[in-house]
Amino acid sequence: MRLSRVRFGVLTGSLGTVVLLLGMSNASAESSVSVAPEPIPVTAEQSAALVQVSWSGLEPRQLVFVDICRKSISDSSFTVAEDCGAYSGLTPNGSAAGEGSAELEVFRGQDPAGEAWGCYAEADTAPAGVIKYTTCFVRVTDTTVLNVDSDSETPIRFEGAGRVDPGTSATTGAGPPPPQLPGSGPSSSALAGPSTVDDAEALQFAGSDSGAGVAITG
């Protein structure tokens, strides 16, 4: 009886080891992302800069989402809708290896969608009512932009002479033009009639015409 118990214990332990190893082999690796150059050199006249974004560890053959965000994904209050730029991302196709790279234009100044935050160099001056972040983040994920199981990020910073940011047209005027579908010129717009949804108006920041800019440094 004692020998049988020993054999049973050895068998149970062996099975547990096999299950553990199988679980480890099936676990997906964490994704990673890098940006070059970093920090991003800019002149006093630049309102944007081109960088190369490289990623790995994403799900193979899935759409990739590359976004510029004001908060880290490690922040418990982070949400994609509130903290990432609506008009500043990329959606390249994923590769069979789950890795790739793409050129990304990083905005310097207020968020192009007119939200009350922006990515700035230390010496920059933000418009009144716009929060100045001197550290922003490039975030990547796959399948859907809301996927937080595969996402990863890297911080980005601008380095260079200061610039006074005039703000975006979404805050100071009529807002950016809505996306155009292929073949939707002025004539087809006139035939279609007025739009019932004003995306630019929905992105307006209430009360952004008063108060002083607030700086948040990384």
N, C-alpha and C. Protein backbone atom coordinates (compact mmCIF):
# COMPACT_ATOMS: atom_id res chain seq x y z
N MET A 1 0.84 -1.20 0.00
CA MET A 1 0.00 0.00 0.00
C MET A 1 0.87 1.25 0.00
N ARG A 2 1.95 1.24 0.81
CA ARG A 2 2.83 2.40 0.87
C ARG A 2 3.49 2.64 -0.48
N LEU A 3 3.91 1.55 -1.19
CA LEU A 3 4.54 1.67 -2.49
C LEU A 3 3.58 2.25 -3.51
N SER A 4 2.31 1.83 -3.44
CA SER A 4 1.31 2.35 -4.37
C SER A 4 1.11 3.84 -4.17
N ARG A 5 1.11 4.27 -2.91
CA ARG A 5 0.94 5.69 -2.63
C ARG A 5 2.11 6.50 -3.18
N VAL A 6 3.32 5.94 -3.06
CA VAL A 6 4.50 6.63 -3.59
C VAL A 6 4.41 6.77 -5.10
N ARG A 7 4.02 5.66 -5.78
CA ARG A 7 3.88 5.71 -7.23
C ARG A 7 2.83 6.72 -7.65
N PHE A 8 1.71 6.74 -6.93
CA PHE A 8 0.63 7.68 -7.25
C PHE A 8 1.11 9.13 -7.09
N GLY A 9 1.90 9.36 -6.02
CA GLY A 9 2.42 10.71 -5.79
C GLY A 9 3.37 11.13 -6.89
N VAL A 10 4.23 10.22 -7.34
CA VAL A 10 5.17 10.53 -8.42
C VAL A 10 4.42 10.82 -9.71
N LEU A 11 3.39 9.99 -10.01
CA LEU A 11 2.60 10.17 -11.22
C LEU A 11 1.87 11.50 -11.21
N THR A 12 1.27 11.84 -10.06
CA THR A 12 0.55 13.11 -9.94
C THR A 12 1.50 14.29 -10.13
N GLY A 13 2.67 14.21 -9.52
CA GLY A 13 3.66 15.28 -9.67
C GLY A 13 4.11 15.44 -11.10
N SER A 14 4.31 14.30 -11.80
CA SER A 14 4.73 14.36 -13.20
C SER A 14 3.68 14.99 -14.08
N LEU A 15 2.42 14.63 -13.86
CA LEU A 15 1.33 15.21 -14.64
C LEU A 15 1.23 16.71 -14.40
N GLY A 16 1.42 17.11 -13.14
CA GLY A 16 1.37 18.54 -12.83
C GLY A 16 2.46 19.31 -13.55
N THR A 17 3.65 18.70 -13.64
CA THR A 17 4.76 19.35 -14.34
C THR A 17 4.45 19.49 -15.82
N VAL A 18 3.87 18.44 -16.42
CA VAL A 18 3.51 18.47 -17.84
C VAL A 18 2.49 19.56 -18.11
N VAL A 19 1.46 19.64 -17.26
CA VAL A 19 0.42 20.66 -17.43
C VAL A 19 1.02 22.05 -17.32
N LEU A 20 1.92 22.24 -16.35
CA LEU A 20 2.56 23.54 -16.16
C LEU A 20 3.38 23.93 -17.39
N LEU A 21 4.14 22.98 -17.92
CA LEU A 21 4.96 23.26 -19.10
C LEU A 21 4.10 23.57 -20.31
N LEU A 22 3.01 22.84 -20.48
CA LEU A 22 2.10 23.10 -21.60
C LEU A 22 1.50 24.49 -21.48
N GLY A 23 1.12 24.85 -20.25
CA GLY A 23 0.55 26.18 -20.04
C GLY A 23 1.55 27.27 -20.37
N MET A 24 2.82 27.04 -20.02
CA MET A 24 3.84 28.03 -20.31
C MET A 24 4.09 28.15 -21.80
N SER A 25 4.04 27.03 -22.52
CA SER A 25 4.31 27.08 -23.95
C SER A 25 3.18 27.75 -24.72
N ASN A 26 1.95 27.68 -24.19
CA ASN A 26 0.81 28.27 -24.87
C ASN A 26 0.61 29.74 -24.51
N ALA A 27 1.28 30.21 -23.46
CA ALA A 27 1.11 31.59 -23.04
C ALA A 27 1.72 32.51 -24.07
N SER A 28 0.99 33.55 -24.46
CA SER A 28 1.48 34.47 -25.47
C SER A 28 2.50 35.41 -24.85
N ALA A 29 3.53 35.72 -25.62
CA ALA A 29 4.56 36.62 -25.13
C ALA A 29 4.02 38.04 -25.09
N GLU A 30 4.58 38.85 -24.20
CA GLU A 30 4.15 40.23 -24.11
C GLU A 30 4.65 41.00 -25.32
N SER A 31 3.84 41.95 -25.76
CA SER A 31 4.25 42.78 -26.89
C SER A 31 5.21 43.86 -26.40
N SER A 32 5.94 44.45 -27.33
CA SER A 32 6.84 45.55 -27.01
C SER A 32 6.85 46.53 -28.17
N VAL A 33 7.20 47.78 -27.88
CA VAL A 33 7.22 48.81 -28.91
C VAL A 33 8.37 49.77 -28.61
N SER A 34 8.97 50.29 -29.67
CA SER A 34 10.03 51.28 -29.52
C SER A 34 9.86 52.36 -30.57
N VAL A 35 10.41 53.53 -30.29
CA VAL A 35 10.32 54.68 -31.19
C VAL A 35 11.71 55.24 -31.42
N ALA A 36 12.02 55.57 -32.66
CA ALA A 36 13.30 56.20 -32.99
C ALA A 36 13.05 57.38 -33.92
N PRO A 37 13.68 58.53 -33.66
CA PRO A 37 14.59 58.79 -32.53
C PRO A 37 13.81 59.09 -31.25
N GLU A 38 14.47 58.97 -30.13
CA GLU A 38 13.90 59.31 -28.82
C GLU A 38 15.02 59.76 -27.91
N PRO A 39 15.01 61.01 -27.43
CA PRO A 39 13.95 62.01 -27.63
C PRO A 39 13.88 62.48 -29.08
N ILE A 40 12.77 63.14 -29.39
CA ILE A 40 12.52 63.59 -30.76
C ILE A 40 13.04 65.01 -30.93
N PRO A 41 14.04 65.23 -31.78
CA PRO A 41 14.57 66.59 -31.97
C PRO A 41 13.61 67.44 -32.81
N VAL A 42 13.40 68.68 -32.39
CA VAL A 42 12.51 69.59 -33.12
C VAL A 42 13.12 70.99 -33.15
N THR A 43 12.72 71.75 -34.17
CA THR A 43 13.08 73.16 -34.24
C THR A 43 11.93 73.98 -33.69
N ALA A 44 12.14 75.28 -33.55
CA ALA A 44 11.10 76.15 -33.01
C ALA A 44 9.89 76.22 -33.93
N GLU A 45 10.08 75.94 -35.23
CA GLU A 45 8.98 76.06 -36.18
C GLU A 45 8.15 74.78 -36.31
N GLN A 46 8.67 73.67 -35.84
CA GLN A 46 8.01 72.38 -36.07
C GLN A 46 6.77 72.19 -35.20
N SER A 47 5.68 71.78 -35.85
CA SER A 47 4.46 71.42 -35.13
C SER A 47 4.22 69.91 -35.16
N ALA A 48 5.12 69.17 -35.79
CA ALA A 48 5.02 67.71 -35.86
C ALA A 48 6.38 67.15 -36.23
N ALA A 49 6.56 65.86 -36.02
CA ALA A 49 7.82 65.20 -36.36
C ALA A 49 7.53 63.76 -36.76
N LEU A 50 8.34 63.23 -37.67
CA LEU A 50 8.20 61.85 -38.11
C LEU A 50 9.13 60.95 -37.29
N VAL A 51 8.59 59.84 -36.82
CA VAL A 51 9.38 58.86 -36.08
C VAL A 51 9.11 57.47 -36.67
N GLN A 52 9.99 56.54 -36.38
CA GLN A 52 9.81 55.16 -36.80
C GLN A 52 9.37 54.34 -35.59
N VAL A 53 8.21 53.73 -35.69
CA VAL A 53 7.67 52.90 -34.60
C VAL A 53 7.87 51.43 -34.96
N SER A 54 8.47 50.67 -34.07
CA SER A 54 8.69 49.23 -34.28
C SER A 54 8.04 48.45 -33.15
N TRP A 55 7.41 47.34 -33.48
CA TRP A 55 6.73 46.53 -32.47
C TRP A 55 6.98 45.05 -32.71
N SER A 56 6.73 44.25 -31.67
CA SER A 56 6.83 42.80 -31.75
C SER A 56 5.94 42.19 -30.68
N GLY A 57 5.68 40.89 -30.81
CA GLY A 57 4.89 40.19 -29.81
C GLY A 57 3.39 40.33 -29.94
N LEU A 58 2.89 40.89 -31.04
CA LEU A 58 1.45 41.01 -31.23
C LEU A 58 0.91 39.75 -31.89
N GLU A 59 -0.42 39.63 -31.90
CA GLU A 59 -1.05 38.47 -32.52
C GLU A 59 -0.77 38.47 -34.02
N PRO A 60 -0.37 37.33 -34.58
CA PRO A 60 -0.07 37.28 -36.01
C PRO A 60 -1.29 37.60 -36.87
N ARG A 61 -1.03 38.31 -37.96
CA ARG A 61 -2.03 38.60 -39.00
C ARG A 61 -3.26 39.34 -38.48
N GLN A 62 -3.09 40.10 -37.43
CA GLN A 62 -4.18 40.92 -36.92
C GLN A 62 -3.87 42.39 -37.18
N LEU A 63 -4.93 43.18 -37.35
CA LEU A 63 -4.75 44.61 -37.56
C LEU A 63 -4.03 45.21 -36.35
N VAL A 64 -3.08 46.09 -36.63
CA VAL A 64 -2.29 46.73 -35.57
C VAL A 64 -2.78 48.16 -35.38
N PHE A 65 -2.89 48.58 -34.13
CA PHE A 65 -3.32 49.94 -33.81
C PHE A 65 -2.17 50.66 -33.12
N VAL A 66 -1.75 51.78 -33.71
CA VAL A 66 -0.67 52.60 -33.17
C VAL A 66 -1.26 53.96 -32.81
N ASP A 67 -1.17 54.35 -31.56
CA ASP A 67 -1.81 55.59 -31.11
C ASP A 67 -0.87 56.42 -30.25
N ILE A 68 -1.15 57.73 -30.21
CA ILE A 68 -0.44 58.65 -29.33
C ILE A 68 -1.35 58.97 -28.16
N CYS A 69 -0.86 58.76 -26.96
CA CYS A 69 -1.69 58.93 -25.76
C CYS A 69 -1.01 59.86 -24.76
N ARG A 70 -1.82 60.48 -23.93
CA ARG A 70 -1.28 61.40 -22.93
C ARG A 70 -0.97 60.71 -21.61
N LYS A 71 -1.58 59.56 -21.37
CA LYS A 71 -1.36 58.83 -20.13
C LYS A 71 -0.74 57.47 -20.42
N SER A 72 -0.07 56.93 -19.42
CA SER A 72 0.48 55.58 -19.52
C SER A 72 -0.64 54.56 -19.32
N ILE A 73 -0.50 53.42 -19.98
CA ILE A 73 -1.49 52.35 -19.79
C ILE A 73 -1.42 51.77 -18.38
N SER A 74 -0.35 52.07 -17.65
CA SER A 74 -0.25 51.61 -16.26
C SER A 74 -1.05 52.48 -15.31
N ASP A 75 -1.52 53.62 -15.79
CA ASP A 75 -2.36 54.51 -14.98
C ASP A 75 -3.74 53.87 -14.84
N SER A 76 -4.21 53.72 -13.63
CA SER A 76 -5.50 53.06 -13.40
C SER A 76 -6.67 53.81 -14.01
N SER A 77 -6.49 55.09 -14.29
CA SER A 77 -7.57 55.89 -14.87
C SER A 77 -7.51 55.93 -16.40
N PHE A 78 -6.54 55.23 -16.99
CA PHE A 78 -6.36 55.29 -18.45
C PHE A 78 -7.54 54.68 -19.20
N THR A 79 -8.03 55.41 -20.21
CA THR A 79 -8.99 54.87 -21.17
C THR A 79 -8.58 55.35 -22.55
N VAL A 80 -8.75 54.52 -23.55
CA VAL A 80 -8.36 54.88 -24.91
C VAL A 80 -9.15 56.09 -25.41
N ALA A 81 -10.44 56.09 -25.16
CA ALA A 81 -11.31 57.16 -25.67
C ALA A 81 -10.94 58.52 -25.10
N GLU A 82 -10.54 58.56 -23.84
CA GLU A 82 -10.25 59.83 -23.18
C GLU A 82 -8.80 60.26 -23.32
N ASP A 83 -7.89 59.30 -23.43
CA ASP A 83 -6.47 59.62 -23.28
C ASP A 83 -5.61 59.43 -24.53
N CYS A 84 -6.20 58.99 -25.64
CA CYS A 84 -5.45 58.82 -26.88
C CYS A 84 -6.03 59.70 -27.98
N GLY A 85 -5.18 60.19 -28.86
CA GLY A 85 -5.61 61.08 -29.92
C GLY A 85 -6.50 60.39 -30.94
N ALA A 86 -7.60 61.04 -31.30
CA ALA A 86 -8.56 60.44 -32.24
C ALA A 86 -8.09 60.52 -33.68
N TYR A 87 -7.27 61.52 -34.02
CA TYR A 87 -6.87 61.74 -35.40
C TYR A 87 -5.38 61.48 -35.64
N SER A 88 -4.69 60.86 -34.73
CA SER A 88 -3.23 60.80 -34.82
C SER A 88 -2.66 59.39 -34.91
N GLY A 89 -3.49 58.37 -35.11
CA GLY A 89 -3.02 56.99 -35.08
C GLY A 89 -2.85 56.37 -36.45
N LEU A 90 -2.34 55.14 -36.44
CA LEU A 90 -2.16 54.32 -37.64
C LEU A 90 -2.81 52.97 -37.42
N THR A 91 -3.20 52.30 -38.51
CA THR A 91 -3.76 50.95 -38.42
C THR A 91 -3.17 50.07 -39.52
N PRO A 92 -1.88 49.75 -39.43
CA PRO A 92 -1.27 48.88 -40.44
C PRO A 92 -1.71 47.43 -40.26
N ASN A 93 -1.57 46.64 -41.31
CA ASN A 93 -1.86 45.22 -41.24
C ASN A 93 -0.77 44.50 -40.46
N GLY A 94 -1.16 43.50 -39.69
CA GLY A 94 -0.19 42.74 -38.93
C GLY A 94 0.51 41.71 -39.80
N SER A 95 1.70 41.30 -39.37
CA SER A 95 2.49 40.32 -40.12
C SER A 95 2.28 38.93 -39.54
N ALA A 96 2.80 37.93 -40.25
CA ALA A 96 2.70 36.55 -39.79
C ALA A 96 3.50 36.33 -38.52
N ALA A 97 4.49 37.18 -38.29
CA ALA A 97 5.33 37.04 -37.10
C ALA A 97 4.87 37.91 -35.94
N GLY A 98 3.85 38.73 -36.16
CA GLY A 98 3.36 39.62 -35.10
C GLY A 98 4.28 40.78 -34.81
N GLU A 99 5.13 41.12 -35.79
CA GLU A 99 6.05 42.24 -35.61
C GLU A 99 6.05 43.11 -36.86
N GLY A 100 6.57 44.31 -36.72
CA GLY A 100 6.60 45.20 -37.88
C GLY A 100 7.03 46.59 -37.47
N SER A 101 6.95 47.52 -38.42
CA SER A 101 7.31 48.91 -38.15
C SER A 101 6.55 49.81 -39.11
N ALA A 102 6.43 51.07 -38.73
CA ALA A 102 5.72 52.05 -39.56
C ALA A 102 6.19 53.44 -39.19
N GLU A 103 6.07 54.36 -40.14
CA GLU A 103 6.41 55.75 -39.88
C GLU A 103 5.18 56.46 -39.31
N LEU A 104 5.38 57.16 -38.22
CA LEU A 104 4.27 57.83 -37.53
C LEU A 104 4.58 59.31 -37.39
N GLU A 105 3.60 60.15 -37.72
CA GLU A 105 3.73 61.58 -37.50
C GLU A 105 3.23 61.90 -36.10
N VAL A 106 4.13 62.40 -35.27
CA VAL A 106 3.78 62.74 -33.89
C VAL A 106 3.49 64.24 -33.81
N PHE A 107 2.30 64.59 -33.37
CA PHE A 107 1.95 66.01 -33.28
C PHE A 107 2.66 66.66 -32.09
N ARG A 108 3.07 67.89 -32.31
CA ARG A 108 3.67 68.70 -31.24
C ARG A 108 2.74 69.88 -31.00
N GLY A 109 2.09 69.88 -29.88
CA GLY A 109 1.09 70.90 -29.60
C GLY A 109 -0.21 70.26 -29.18
N GLN A 110 -1.28 71.01 -29.30
CA GLN A 110 -2.59 70.51 -28.89
C GLN A 110 -3.03 69.34 -29.74
N ASP A 111 -3.72 68.40 -29.14
CA ASP A 111 -4.28 67.25 -29.84
C ASP A 111 -5.03 67.72 -31.09
N PRO A 112 -4.75 67.15 -32.27
CA PRO A 112 -5.38 67.60 -33.51
C PRO A 112 -6.90 67.53 -33.50
N ALA A 113 -7.48 66.69 -32.65
CA ALA A 113 -8.94 66.59 -32.58
C ALA A 113 -9.54 67.72 -31.75
N GLY A 114 -8.70 68.57 -31.16
CA GLY A 114 -9.21 69.69 -30.38
C GLY A 114 -9.43 69.41 -28.92
N GLU A 115 -8.98 68.23 -28.45
CA GLU A 115 -9.10 67.94 -27.02
C GLU A 115 -8.16 68.86 -26.24
N ALA A 116 -8.44 69.05 -24.96
CA ALA A 116 -7.72 70.04 -24.15
C ALA A 116 -6.43 69.49 -23.56
N TRP A 117 -5.60 68.86 -24.39
CA TRP A 117 -4.29 68.39 -23.97
C TRP A 117 -3.40 68.33 -25.19
N GLY A 118 -2.11 68.24 -24.94
CA GLY A 118 -1.19 68.15 -26.06
C GLY A 118 0.17 67.66 -25.61
N CYS A 119 1.01 67.32 -26.59
CA CYS A 119 2.38 66.86 -26.34
C CYS A 119 3.34 67.99 -26.68
N TYR A 120 4.19 68.36 -25.75
CA TYR A 120 5.01 69.56 -25.89
C TYR A 120 6.45 69.31 -25.46
N ALA A 121 7.35 70.17 -25.99
CA ALA A 121 8.71 70.25 -25.46
C ALA A 121 8.67 71.06 -24.17
N GLU A 122 9.70 70.93 -23.37
CA GLU A 122 9.74 71.62 -22.08
C GLU A 122 9.54 73.12 -22.22
N ALA A 123 10.16 73.72 -23.26
CA ALA A 123 10.13 75.17 -23.41
C ALA A 123 8.90 75.68 -24.16
N ASP A 124 8.01 74.79 -24.58
CA ASP A 124 6.83 75.21 -25.34
C ASP A 124 5.81 75.90 -24.44
N THR A 125 4.98 76.72 -25.07
CA THR A 125 3.88 77.38 -24.37
C THR A 125 2.56 76.87 -24.94
N ALA A 126 1.74 76.29 -24.08
CA ALA A 126 0.45 75.75 -24.51
C ALA A 126 -0.61 76.84 -24.50
N PRO A 127 -1.66 76.70 -25.32
CA PRO A 127 -2.76 77.67 -25.30
C PRO A 127 -3.49 77.64 -23.96
N ALA A 128 -4.20 78.70 -23.66
CA ALA A 128 -5.00 78.76 -22.44
C ALA A 128 -6.00 77.60 -22.42
N GLY A 129 -6.08 76.93 -21.29
CA GLY A 129 -7.03 75.84 -21.12
C GLY A 129 -6.56 74.49 -21.63
N VAL A 130 -5.35 74.42 -22.20
CA VAL A 130 -4.83 73.16 -22.73
C VAL A 130 -3.75 72.62 -21.80
N ILE A 131 -3.88 71.37 -21.39
CA ILE A 131 -2.91 70.75 -20.49
C ILE A 131 -1.66 70.37 -21.27
N LYS A 132 -0.52 70.79 -20.78
CA LYS A 132 0.77 70.57 -21.44
C LYS A 132 1.45 69.32 -20.88
N TYR A 133 1.60 68.29 -21.72
CA TYR A 133 2.31 67.07 -21.34
C TYR A 133 3.68 67.08 -22.01
N THR A 134 4.74 66.98 -21.24
CA THR A 134 6.07 66.90 -21.81
C THR A 134 6.52 65.45 -22.01
N THR A 135 5.74 64.52 -21.50
CA THR A 135 5.92 63.10 -21.81
C THR A 135 4.59 62.54 -22.29
N CYS A 136 4.57 62.06 -23.53
CA CYS A 136 3.41 61.35 -24.05
C CYS A 136 3.82 59.91 -24.32
N PHE A 137 2.91 59.12 -24.87
CA PHE A 137 3.19 57.70 -25.06
C PHE A 137 2.70 57.23 -26.43
N VAL A 138 3.51 56.38 -27.07
CA VAL A 138 3.05 55.67 -28.26
C VAL A 138 2.62 54.28 -27.80
N ARG A 139 1.37 53.96 -28.06
CA ARG A 139 0.77 52.69 -27.62
C ARG A 139 0.46 51.83 -28.84
N VAL A 140 0.72 50.54 -28.75
CA VAL A 140 0.35 49.61 -29.81
C VAL A 140 -0.48 48.47 -29.22
N THR A 141 -1.40 47.98 -30.02
CA THR A 141 -2.16 46.79 -29.66
C THR A 141 -2.65 46.15 -30.95
N ASP A 142 -3.38 45.05 -30.85
CA ASP A 142 -3.86 44.38 -32.06
C ASP A 142 -5.35 44.07 -31.98
N THR A 143 -5.90 43.71 -33.13
CA THR A 143 -7.29 43.25 -33.28
C THR A 143 -8.31 44.37 -33.15
N THR A 144 -8.30 45.09 -32.03
CA THR A 144 -9.17 46.24 -31.81
C THR A 144 -8.42 47.25 -30.95
N VAL A 145 -8.71 48.52 -31.16
CA VAL A 145 -7.99 49.56 -30.42
C VAL A 145 -8.24 49.48 -28.92
N LEU A 146 -9.34 48.84 -28.52
CA LEU A 146 -9.68 48.72 -27.11
C LEU A 146 -9.04 47.51 -26.44
N ASN A 147 -8.28 46.72 -27.19
CA ASN A 147 -7.65 45.52 -26.64
C ASN A 147 -6.53 45.90 -25.66
N VAL A 148 -6.75 45.60 -24.39
CA VAL A 148 -5.75 45.91 -23.36
C VAL A 148 -4.95 44.68 -22.94
N ASP A 149 -5.22 43.53 -23.57
CA ASP A 149 -4.49 42.31 -23.24
C ASP A 149 -3.17 42.23 -23.99
N SER A 150 -3.08 42.87 -25.15
CA SER A 150 -1.87 42.80 -25.96
C SER A 150 -1.13 44.12 -26.05
N ASP A 151 -1.65 45.17 -25.41
CA ASP A 151 -1.06 46.49 -25.63
C ASP A 151 0.26 46.69 -24.89
N SER A 152 1.08 47.54 -25.46
CA SER A 152 2.33 47.97 -24.83
C SER A 152 2.59 49.41 -25.26
N GLU A 153 3.56 50.05 -24.64
CA GLU A 153 3.77 51.48 -24.89
C GLU A 153 5.23 51.84 -24.70
N THR A 154 5.58 53.01 -25.18
CA THR A 154 6.89 53.59 -24.92
C THR A 154 6.74 55.10 -24.79
N PRO A 155 7.44 55.74 -23.86
CA PRO A 155 7.31 57.19 -23.71
C PRO A 155 8.01 57.93 -24.84
N ILE A 156 7.50 59.11 -25.17
CA ILE A 156 8.13 59.98 -26.17
C ILE A 156 8.23 61.39 -25.61
N ARG A 157 9.29 62.09 -26.00
CA ARG A 157 9.52 63.47 -25.55
C ARG A 157 10.12 64.27 -26.70
N PHE A 158 9.76 65.55 -26.75
CA PHE A 158 10.36 66.46 -27.72
C PHE A 158 11.55 67.17 -27.07
N GLU A 159 12.56 67.44 -27.88
CA GLU A 159 13.73 68.14 -27.39
C GLU A 159 14.11 69.22 -28.40
N GLY A 160 14.12 70.47 -27.96
CA GLY A 160 14.48 71.55 -28.88
C GLY A 160 14.01 72.89 -28.38
N ALA A 161 14.14 73.89 -29.26
CA ALA A 161 13.78 75.26 -28.92
C ALA A 161 12.28 75.38 -28.67
N GLY A 162 11.91 76.33 -27.81
CA GLY A 162 10.51 76.51 -27.46
C GLY A 162 9.67 77.07 -28.59
N ARG A 163 8.38 76.85 -28.48
CA ARG A 163 7.43 77.28 -29.50
C ARG A 163 6.13 77.66 -28.81
N VAL A 164 5.49 78.72 -29.28
CA VAL A 164 4.18 79.11 -28.76
C VAL A 164 3.12 78.43 -29.62
N ASP A 165 2.36 77.54 -29.01
CA ASP A 165 1.35 76.78 -29.75
C ASP A 165 0.08 77.60 -29.92
N PRO A 166 -0.37 77.84 -31.17
CA PRO A 166 -1.59 78.61 -31.37
C PRO A 166 -2.86 77.81 -31.10
N GLY A 167 -2.74 76.50 -30.89
CA GLY A 167 -3.92 75.67 -30.71
C GLY A 167 -4.41 75.12 -32.03
N THR A 168 -5.39 74.23 -31.98
CA THR A 168 -5.93 73.63 -33.19
C THR A 168 -7.21 74.32 -33.61
N SER A 169 -7.56 74.15 -34.88
CA SER A 169 -8.77 74.77 -35.41
C SER A 169 -10.02 74.22 -34.77
N ALA A 170 -9.92 72.99 -34.22
CA ALA A 170 -11.08 72.39 -33.57
C ALA A 170 -11.48 73.17 -32.32
N THR A 171 -10.51 73.90 -31.73
CA THR A 171 -10.81 74.69 -30.54
C THR A 171 -11.03 76.16 -30.88
N THR A 172 -10.26 76.66 -31.87
CA THR A 172 -10.28 78.08 -32.17
C THR A 172 -11.22 78.46 -33.30
N GLY A 173 -11.74 77.48 -34.03
CA GLY A 173 -12.60 77.81 -35.17
C GLY A 173 -13.63 76.76 -35.44
N ALA A 174 -13.79 76.43 -36.72
CA ALA A 174 -14.86 75.53 -37.14
C ALA A 174 -14.52 74.08 -36.93
N GLY A 175 -13.25 73.76 -36.63
CA GLY A 175 -12.88 72.38 -36.41
C GLY A 175 -12.35 71.75 -37.68
N PRO A 176 -11.70 70.57 -37.56
CA PRO A 176 -11.12 69.90 -38.72
C PRO A 176 -12.21 69.35 -39.62
N PRO A 177 -11.92 69.19 -40.92
CA PRO A 177 -12.93 68.65 -41.83
C PRO A 177 -13.24 67.20 -41.50
N PRO A 178 -14.47 66.76 -41.70
CA PRO A 178 -14.80 65.36 -41.43
C PRO A 178 -14.15 64.46 -42.46
N PRO A 179 -13.93 63.17 -42.14
CA PRO A 179 -13.34 62.24 -43.10
C PRO A 179 -14.19 62.15 -44.36
N GLN A 180 -13.51 62.07 -45.53
CA GLN A 180 -14.20 61.97 -46.80
C GLN A 180 -14.09 60.56 -47.34
N LEU A 181 -15.21 60.01 -47.78
CA LEU A 181 -15.20 58.71 -48.42
C LEU A 181 -14.72 58.87 -49.86
N PRO A 182 -14.19 57.81 -50.49
CA PRO A 182 -13.73 57.92 -51.88
C PRO A 182 -14.83 58.42 -52.80
N GLY A 183 -14.51 59.44 -53.60
CA GLY A 183 -15.47 59.97 -54.55
C GLY A 183 -16.47 60.93 -53.96
N SER A 184 -16.28 61.32 -52.69
CA SER A 184 -17.26 62.21 -52.06
C SER A 184 -16.78 63.64 -52.13
N GLY A 185 -16.79 64.22 -53.32
CA GLY A 185 -16.41 65.61 -53.54
C GLY A 185 -17.53 66.54 -53.17
N PRO A 186 -17.36 67.84 -53.46
CA PRO A 186 -18.38 68.83 -53.14
C PRO A 186 -19.72 68.54 -53.79
N SER A 187 -19.69 68.03 -55.05
CA SER A 187 -20.96 67.81 -55.74
C SER A 187 -21.75 66.70 -55.08
N SER A 188 -21.04 65.60 -54.69
CA SER A 188 -21.76 64.50 -54.04
C SER A 188 -22.23 64.90 -52.66
N SER A 189 -21.50 65.81 -51.99
CA SER A 189 -21.93 66.28 -50.68
C SER A 189 -23.20 67.09 -50.80
N ALA A 190 -23.28 67.90 -51.86
CA ALA A 190 -24.48 68.71 -52.05
C ALA A 190 -25.69 67.84 -52.32
N LEU A 191 -25.47 66.75 -53.07
CA LEU A 191 -26.58 65.85 -53.37
C LEU A 191 -27.02 65.10 -52.12
N ALA A 192 -26.05 64.80 -51.27
CA ALA A 192 -26.38 64.01 -50.08
C ALA A 192 -27.14 64.81 -49.04
N GLY A 193 -27.05 66.14 -49.09
CA GLY A 193 -27.74 66.97 -48.12
C GLY A 193 -26.92 67.14 -46.87
N PRO A 194 -27.41 67.91 -45.91
CA PRO A 194 -26.64 68.21 -44.69
C PRO A 194 -26.46 66.98 -43.82
N SER A 195 -25.34 66.92 -43.15
CA SER A 195 -25.05 65.81 -42.25
C SER A 195 -25.86 65.95 -40.97
N THR A 196 -26.24 64.83 -40.41
CA THR A 196 -27.01 64.85 -39.16
C THR A 196 -26.11 64.68 -37.95
N VAL A 197 -24.81 64.37 -38.19
CA VAL A 197 -23.89 64.17 -37.09
C VAL A 197 -22.70 65.09 -37.28
N ASP A 198 -22.41 65.92 -36.31
CA ASP A 198 -21.30 66.86 -36.37
C ASP A 198 -20.18 66.33 -35.49
N ASP A 199 -19.24 65.53 -36.08
CA ASP A 199 -18.16 64.93 -35.30
C ASP A 199 -17.26 65.98 -34.69
N ALA A 200 -16.99 67.03 -35.47
CA ALA A 200 -16.09 68.06 -34.95
C ALA A 200 -16.67 68.73 -33.72
N GLU A 201 -18.02 68.98 -33.77
CA GLU A 201 -18.67 69.61 -32.63
C GLU A 201 -18.63 68.71 -31.41
N ALA A 202 -18.75 67.39 -31.66
CA ALA A 202 -18.72 66.45 -30.54
C ALA A 202 -17.36 66.42 -29.87
N LEU A 203 -16.32 66.80 -30.64
CA LEU A 203 -14.97 66.78 -30.09
C LEU A 203 -14.55 68.10 -29.48
N GLN A 204 -15.45 69.12 -29.50
CA GLN A 204 -15.11 70.42 -28.93
C GLN A 204 -14.87 70.29 -27.44
N PHE A 205 -13.94 71.05 -26.91
CA PHE A 205 -13.71 71.07 -25.46
C PHE A 205 -14.45 72.25 -24.87
N ALA A 206 -15.39 71.94 -24.01
CA ALA A 206 -16.19 73.01 -23.41
C ALA A 206 -15.34 73.85 -22.49
N GLY A 207 -15.41 75.14 -22.69
CA GLY A 207 -14.72 76.06 -21.80
C GLY A 207 -13.25 76.20 -22.07
N SER A 208 -12.76 75.80 -23.26
CA SER A 208 -11.33 75.87 -23.54
C SER A 208 -10.87 77.27 -23.89
N ASP A 209 -11.79 78.25 -23.92
CA ASP A 209 -11.39 79.60 -24.29
C ASP A 209 -11.06 80.45 -23.07
N SER A 210 -10.94 79.83 -21.90
CA SER A 210 -10.60 80.60 -20.71
C SER A 210 -9.65 79.81 -19.84
N GLY A 211 -8.96 80.51 -18.98
CA GLY A 211 -8.04 79.85 -18.06
C GLY A 211 -6.66 79.75 -18.65
N ALA A 212 -5.72 79.36 -17.80
CA ALA A 212 -4.34 79.26 -18.24
C ALA A 212 -3.97 77.82 -18.51
N GLY A 213 -3.00 77.62 -19.39
CA GLY A 213 -2.55 76.28 -19.68
C GLY A 213 -1.90 75.65 -18.46
N VAL A 214 -2.06 74.34 -18.33
CA VAL A 214 -1.50 73.62 -17.19
C VAL A 214 -0.44 72.67 -17.71
N ALA A 215 0.72 72.67 -17.13
CA ALA A 215 1.82 71.82 -17.59
C ALA A 215 1.92 70.59 -16.72
N ILE A 216 2.04 69.42 -17.38
CA ILE A 216 2.29 68.16 -16.68
C ILE A 216 3.58 67.60 -17.25
N THR A 217 4.59 67.49 -16.45
CA THR A 217 5.90 67.04 -16.92
C THR A 217 6.12 65.60 -16.53
N GLY A 218 6.87 64.90 -17.39
CA GLY A 218 7.15 63.49 -17.13
C GLY A 218 8.34 63.30 -16.24
